[in-house]
């Protein structure tokens, strides 16, 4: 028994459609099930990706940059309580 659920129509190119068809476990498996089974690779976290993020995002004001610089220069490692 299937319950009524909301649906959304999407458009995919032919290559994506062919991949969905090939990813089916059974010929009658829905594309929704195929997509739900998919495992998406997490984007790699690199310095270059961080730089691209900053280039796309809003820039920081001089006040914000000064605040961050001050905090960074005041930052000290925690005391080592096991040190003799």
N, C-alpha and C. Protein backbone atom coordinates (compact mmCIF):
# COMPACT_ATOMS: atom_id res chain seq x y z
N UNK A 1 0.84 -1.17 0.00
CA UNK A 1 0.00 0.00 0.00
C UNK A 1 0.89 1.24 0.00
N UNK A 2 0.64 2.16 -0.91
CA UNK A 2 1.41 3.38 -1.00
C UNK A 2 0.58 4.54 -0.46
N UNK A 3 1.18 5.35 0.35
CA UNK A 3 0.54 6.56 0.83
C UNK A 3 0.79 7.67 -0.16
N UNK A 4 -0.15 8.57 -0.28
CA UNK A 4 0.07 9.72 -1.16
C UNK A 4 1.15 10.61 -0.57
N UNK A 5 2.07 11.01 -1.39
CA UNK A 5 3.11 11.92 -0.93
C UNK A 5 3.31 13.00 -1.98
N UNK A 6 3.82 14.10 -1.52
CA UNK A 6 4.08 15.21 -2.43
C UNK A 6 5.20 14.81 -3.39
N UNK A 7 5.13 15.31 -4.58
CA UNK A 7 6.17 15.05 -5.57
C UNK A 7 6.64 16.36 -6.17
N UNK A 8 7.80 16.31 -6.78
CA UNK A 8 8.37 17.47 -7.44
C UNK A 8 8.96 16.98 -8.76
N UNK A 9 8.66 17.66 -9.83
CA UNK A 9 9.20 17.29 -11.13
C UNK A 9 10.53 17.99 -11.33
N UNK A 10 11.53 17.24 -11.78
CA UNK A 10 12.84 17.82 -12.06
C UNK A 10 13.25 17.47 -13.48
N UNK A 11 14.18 18.22 -14.02
CA UNK A 11 14.73 17.94 -15.34
C UNK A 11 16.18 17.52 -15.18
N UNK A 12 16.56 16.48 -15.88
CA UNK A 12 17.95 16.04 -15.88
C UNK A 12 18.38 15.84 -17.33
N UNK A 13 19.67 15.96 -17.57
CA UNK A 13 20.14 15.71 -18.93
C UNK A 13 20.16 14.21 -19.19
N UNK A 14 20.38 13.83 -20.44
CA UNK A 14 20.30 12.41 -20.82
C UNK A 14 21.35 11.56 -20.11
N UNK A 15 22.53 12.11 -19.89
CA UNK A 15 23.57 11.35 -19.19
C UNK A 15 23.12 11.03 -17.76
N UNK A 16 22.57 12.02 -17.07
CA UNK A 16 22.09 11.80 -15.70
C UNK A 16 20.96 10.77 -15.69
N UNK A 17 20.06 10.86 -16.65
CA UNK A 17 18.95 9.91 -16.75
C UNK A 17 19.48 8.49 -16.96
N UNK A 18 20.45 8.33 -17.85
CA UNK A 18 21.03 7.01 -18.10
C UNK A 18 21.70 6.46 -16.84
N UNK A 19 22.35 7.32 -16.09
CA UNK A 19 22.98 6.88 -14.84
C UNK A 19 21.94 6.41 -13.83
N UNK A 20 20.83 7.13 -13.76
CA UNK A 20 19.76 6.71 -12.86
C UNK A 20 19.20 5.34 -13.28
N UNK A 21 19.00 5.16 -14.56
CA UNK A 21 18.48 3.88 -15.06
C UNK A 21 19.45 2.75 -14.71
N UNK A 22 20.75 2.96 -14.94
CA UNK A 22 21.75 1.92 -14.65
C UNK A 22 21.89 1.65 -13.15
N UNK A 23 21.58 2.64 -12.32
CA UNK A 23 21.74 2.48 -10.87
C UNK A 23 20.58 1.73 -10.22
N UNK A 24 19.53 1.47 -10.98
CA UNK A 24 18.39 0.74 -10.42
C UNK A 24 18.80 -0.68 -10.02
N UNK A 25 18.28 -1.12 -8.87
CA UNK A 25 18.51 -2.49 -8.43
C UNK A 25 17.53 -3.42 -9.15
N UNK A 26 16.32 -2.95 -9.36
CA UNK A 26 15.29 -3.68 -10.10
C UNK A 26 14.77 -2.76 -11.20
N UNK A 27 14.25 -3.32 -12.24
CA UNK A 27 13.78 -2.51 -13.35
C UNK A 27 12.60 -1.61 -12.97
N UNK A 28 11.86 -1.99 -11.95
CA UNK A 28 10.72 -1.16 -11.54
C UNK A 28 11.02 -0.26 -10.34
N UNK A 29 12.29 -0.18 -9.94
CA UNK A 29 12.65 0.69 -8.82
C UNK A 29 12.49 2.16 -9.24
N UNK A 30 11.90 2.95 -8.36
CA UNK A 30 11.68 4.37 -8.69
C UNK A 30 13.00 5.14 -8.62
N UNK A 31 13.05 6.22 -9.36
CA UNK A 31 14.23 7.08 -9.30
C UNK A 31 14.37 7.70 -7.92
N UNK A 32 13.27 7.93 -7.23
CA UNK A 32 13.34 8.46 -5.86
C UNK A 32 14.13 7.51 -4.97
N UNK A 33 13.86 6.22 -5.09
CA UNK A 33 14.60 5.23 -4.29
C UNK A 33 16.08 5.21 -4.69
N UNK A 34 16.35 5.29 -5.97
CA UNK A 34 17.74 5.30 -6.44
C UNK A 34 18.47 6.49 -5.84
N UNK A 35 17.86 7.65 -5.89
CA UNK A 35 18.49 8.87 -5.35
C UNK A 35 18.68 8.76 -3.85
N UNK A 36 17.71 8.21 -3.14
CA UNK A 36 17.83 8.06 -1.68
C UNK A 36 18.94 7.09 -1.30
N UNK A 37 19.24 6.13 -2.16
CA UNK A 37 20.33 5.19 -1.88
C UNK A 37 21.70 5.78 -2.19
N UNK A 38 21.73 6.83 -2.97
CA UNK A 38 23.00 7.41 -3.42
C UNK A 38 23.83 7.93 -2.25
N UNK A 39 25.12 7.82 -2.39
CA UNK A 39 26.06 8.37 -1.41
C UNK A 39 26.83 9.47 -2.12
N UNK A 40 26.74 10.67 -1.59
CA UNK A 40 27.38 11.81 -2.23
C UNK A 40 28.71 12.07 -1.55
N UNK A 41 29.72 12.27 -2.36
CA UNK A 41 31.04 12.58 -1.84
C UNK A 41 31.05 13.96 -1.22
N UNK A 42 31.60 14.04 -0.02
CA UNK A 42 31.72 15.35 0.63
C UNK A 42 32.83 16.15 -0.08
N UNK A 43 32.62 17.45 -0.27
CA UNK A 43 33.67 18.25 -0.91
C UNK A 43 34.92 18.26 -0.04
N UNK A 44 36.06 18.22 -0.69
CA UNK A 44 37.32 18.23 0.04
C UNK A 44 37.56 19.61 0.65
N UNK A 45 38.01 19.60 1.88
CA UNK A 45 38.30 20.84 2.57
C UNK A 45 39.78 21.16 2.36
N UNK A 46 40.05 22.16 1.55
CA UNK A 46 41.43 22.54 1.26
C UNK A 46 41.58 24.04 1.43
N UNK A 47 42.80 24.47 1.47
CA UNK A 47 43.07 25.90 1.54
C UNK A 47 42.53 26.62 0.31
N UNK A 48 42.63 25.97 -0.85
CA UNK A 48 42.13 26.58 -2.08
C UNK A 48 40.61 26.73 -2.03
N UNK A 49 39.91 25.72 -1.48
CA UNK A 49 38.45 25.84 -1.40
C UNK A 49 38.05 26.93 -0.41
N UNK A 50 38.82 27.08 0.67
CA UNK A 50 38.55 28.15 1.64
C UNK A 50 38.77 29.51 0.99
N UNK A 51 39.83 29.64 0.20
CA UNK A 51 40.10 30.89 -0.49
C UNK A 51 38.97 31.23 -1.46
N UNK A 52 38.49 30.23 -2.22
CA UNK A 52 37.36 30.47 -3.14
C UNK A 52 36.12 30.91 -2.38
N UNK A 53 35.89 30.33 -1.21
CA UNK A 53 34.76 30.72 -0.39
C UNK A 53 34.87 32.18 0.02
N UNK A 54 36.05 32.59 0.45
CA UNK A 54 36.25 33.99 0.85
C UNK A 54 36.11 34.94 -0.34
N UNK A 55 36.58 34.50 -1.51
CA UNK A 55 36.47 35.35 -2.69
C UNK A 55 35.02 35.56 -3.11
N UNK A 56 34.18 34.55 -2.92
CA UNK A 56 32.77 34.65 -3.28
C UNK A 56 31.95 35.40 -2.24
N UNK A 57 32.33 35.25 -0.98
CA UNK A 57 31.53 35.80 0.11
C UNK A 57 31.78 37.28 0.32
N UNK A 58 31.00 37.87 1.21
CA UNK A 58 31.22 39.29 1.52
C UNK A 58 32.55 39.47 2.23
N UNK A 59 33.23 40.56 1.92
CA UNK A 59 34.53 40.79 2.55
C UNK A 59 34.32 41.37 3.95
N UNK A 60 35.32 41.19 4.78
CA UNK A 60 35.25 41.69 6.15
C UNK A 60 35.63 43.16 6.18
N UNK A 61 35.01 43.87 7.10
CA UNK A 61 35.34 45.28 7.27
C UNK A 61 36.69 45.41 7.96
N UNK A 62 37.27 46.61 7.92
CA UNK A 62 38.54 46.84 8.60
C UNK A 62 38.41 46.58 10.10
N UNK A 63 37.28 46.96 10.68
CA UNK A 63 37.05 46.72 12.11
C UNK A 63 37.03 45.24 12.44
N UNK A 64 36.37 44.47 11.59
CA UNK A 64 36.32 43.02 11.81
C UNK A 64 37.71 42.39 11.67
N UNK A 65 38.47 42.85 10.67
CA UNK A 65 39.83 42.34 10.50
C UNK A 65 40.71 42.70 11.68
N UNK A 66 40.59 43.94 12.18
CA UNK A 66 41.36 44.35 13.36
C UNK A 66 41.01 43.50 14.57
N UNK A 67 39.72 43.23 14.76
CA UNK A 67 39.27 42.40 15.87
C UNK A 67 39.88 41.01 15.78
N UNK A 68 39.83 40.40 14.60
CA UNK A 68 40.38 39.06 14.43
C UNK A 68 41.88 39.04 14.65
N UNK A 69 42.57 40.06 14.15
CA UNK A 69 44.01 40.12 14.33
C UNK A 69 44.38 40.26 15.80
N UNK A 70 43.64 41.10 16.53
CA UNK A 70 43.88 41.27 17.97
C UNK A 70 43.66 39.96 18.70
N UNK A 71 42.56 39.30 18.41
CA UNK A 71 42.26 38.02 19.07
C UNK A 71 43.35 36.99 18.78
N UNK A 72 43.84 37.00 17.54
CA UNK A 72 44.87 36.03 17.18
C UNK A 72 46.17 36.30 17.94
N UNK A 73 46.56 37.55 18.07
CA UNK A 73 47.81 37.86 18.76
C UNK A 73 47.68 37.61 20.26
N UNK A 74 46.47 37.71 20.80
CA UNK A 74 46.26 37.47 22.23
C UNK A 74 46.05 36.00 22.55
N UNK A 75 45.86 35.19 21.55
CA UNK A 75 45.58 33.77 21.76
C UNK A 75 46.82 33.07 22.26
N UNK A 76 46.68 32.34 23.33
CA UNK A 76 47.78 31.58 23.91
C UNK A 76 47.33 30.14 24.10
N UNK A 77 48.27 29.19 23.99
CA UNK A 77 47.89 27.80 24.23
C UNK A 77 47.50 27.61 25.70
N UNK A 78 46.67 26.62 26.00
CA UNK A 78 46.29 26.40 27.39
C UNK A 78 47.49 25.97 28.21
N UNK A 79 47.44 26.25 29.49
CA UNK A 79 48.53 25.85 30.39
C UNK A 79 48.57 24.34 30.47
N UNK A 80 49.78 23.81 30.48
CA UNK A 80 49.94 22.35 30.60
C UNK A 80 49.95 22.00 32.08
N UNK A 81 48.84 21.47 32.59
CA UNK A 81 48.73 21.20 34.02
C UNK A 81 49.56 20.00 34.44
N UNK A 82 50.10 19.23 33.48
CA UNK A 82 50.90 18.08 33.82
C UNK A 82 52.39 18.39 33.80
N UNK A 83 52.70 19.63 33.48
CA UNK A 83 54.10 20.06 33.39
C UNK A 83 54.67 20.16 34.81
N UNK A 84 55.90 19.73 34.98
CA UNK A 84 56.53 19.81 36.31
C UNK A 84 57.23 21.10 36.50
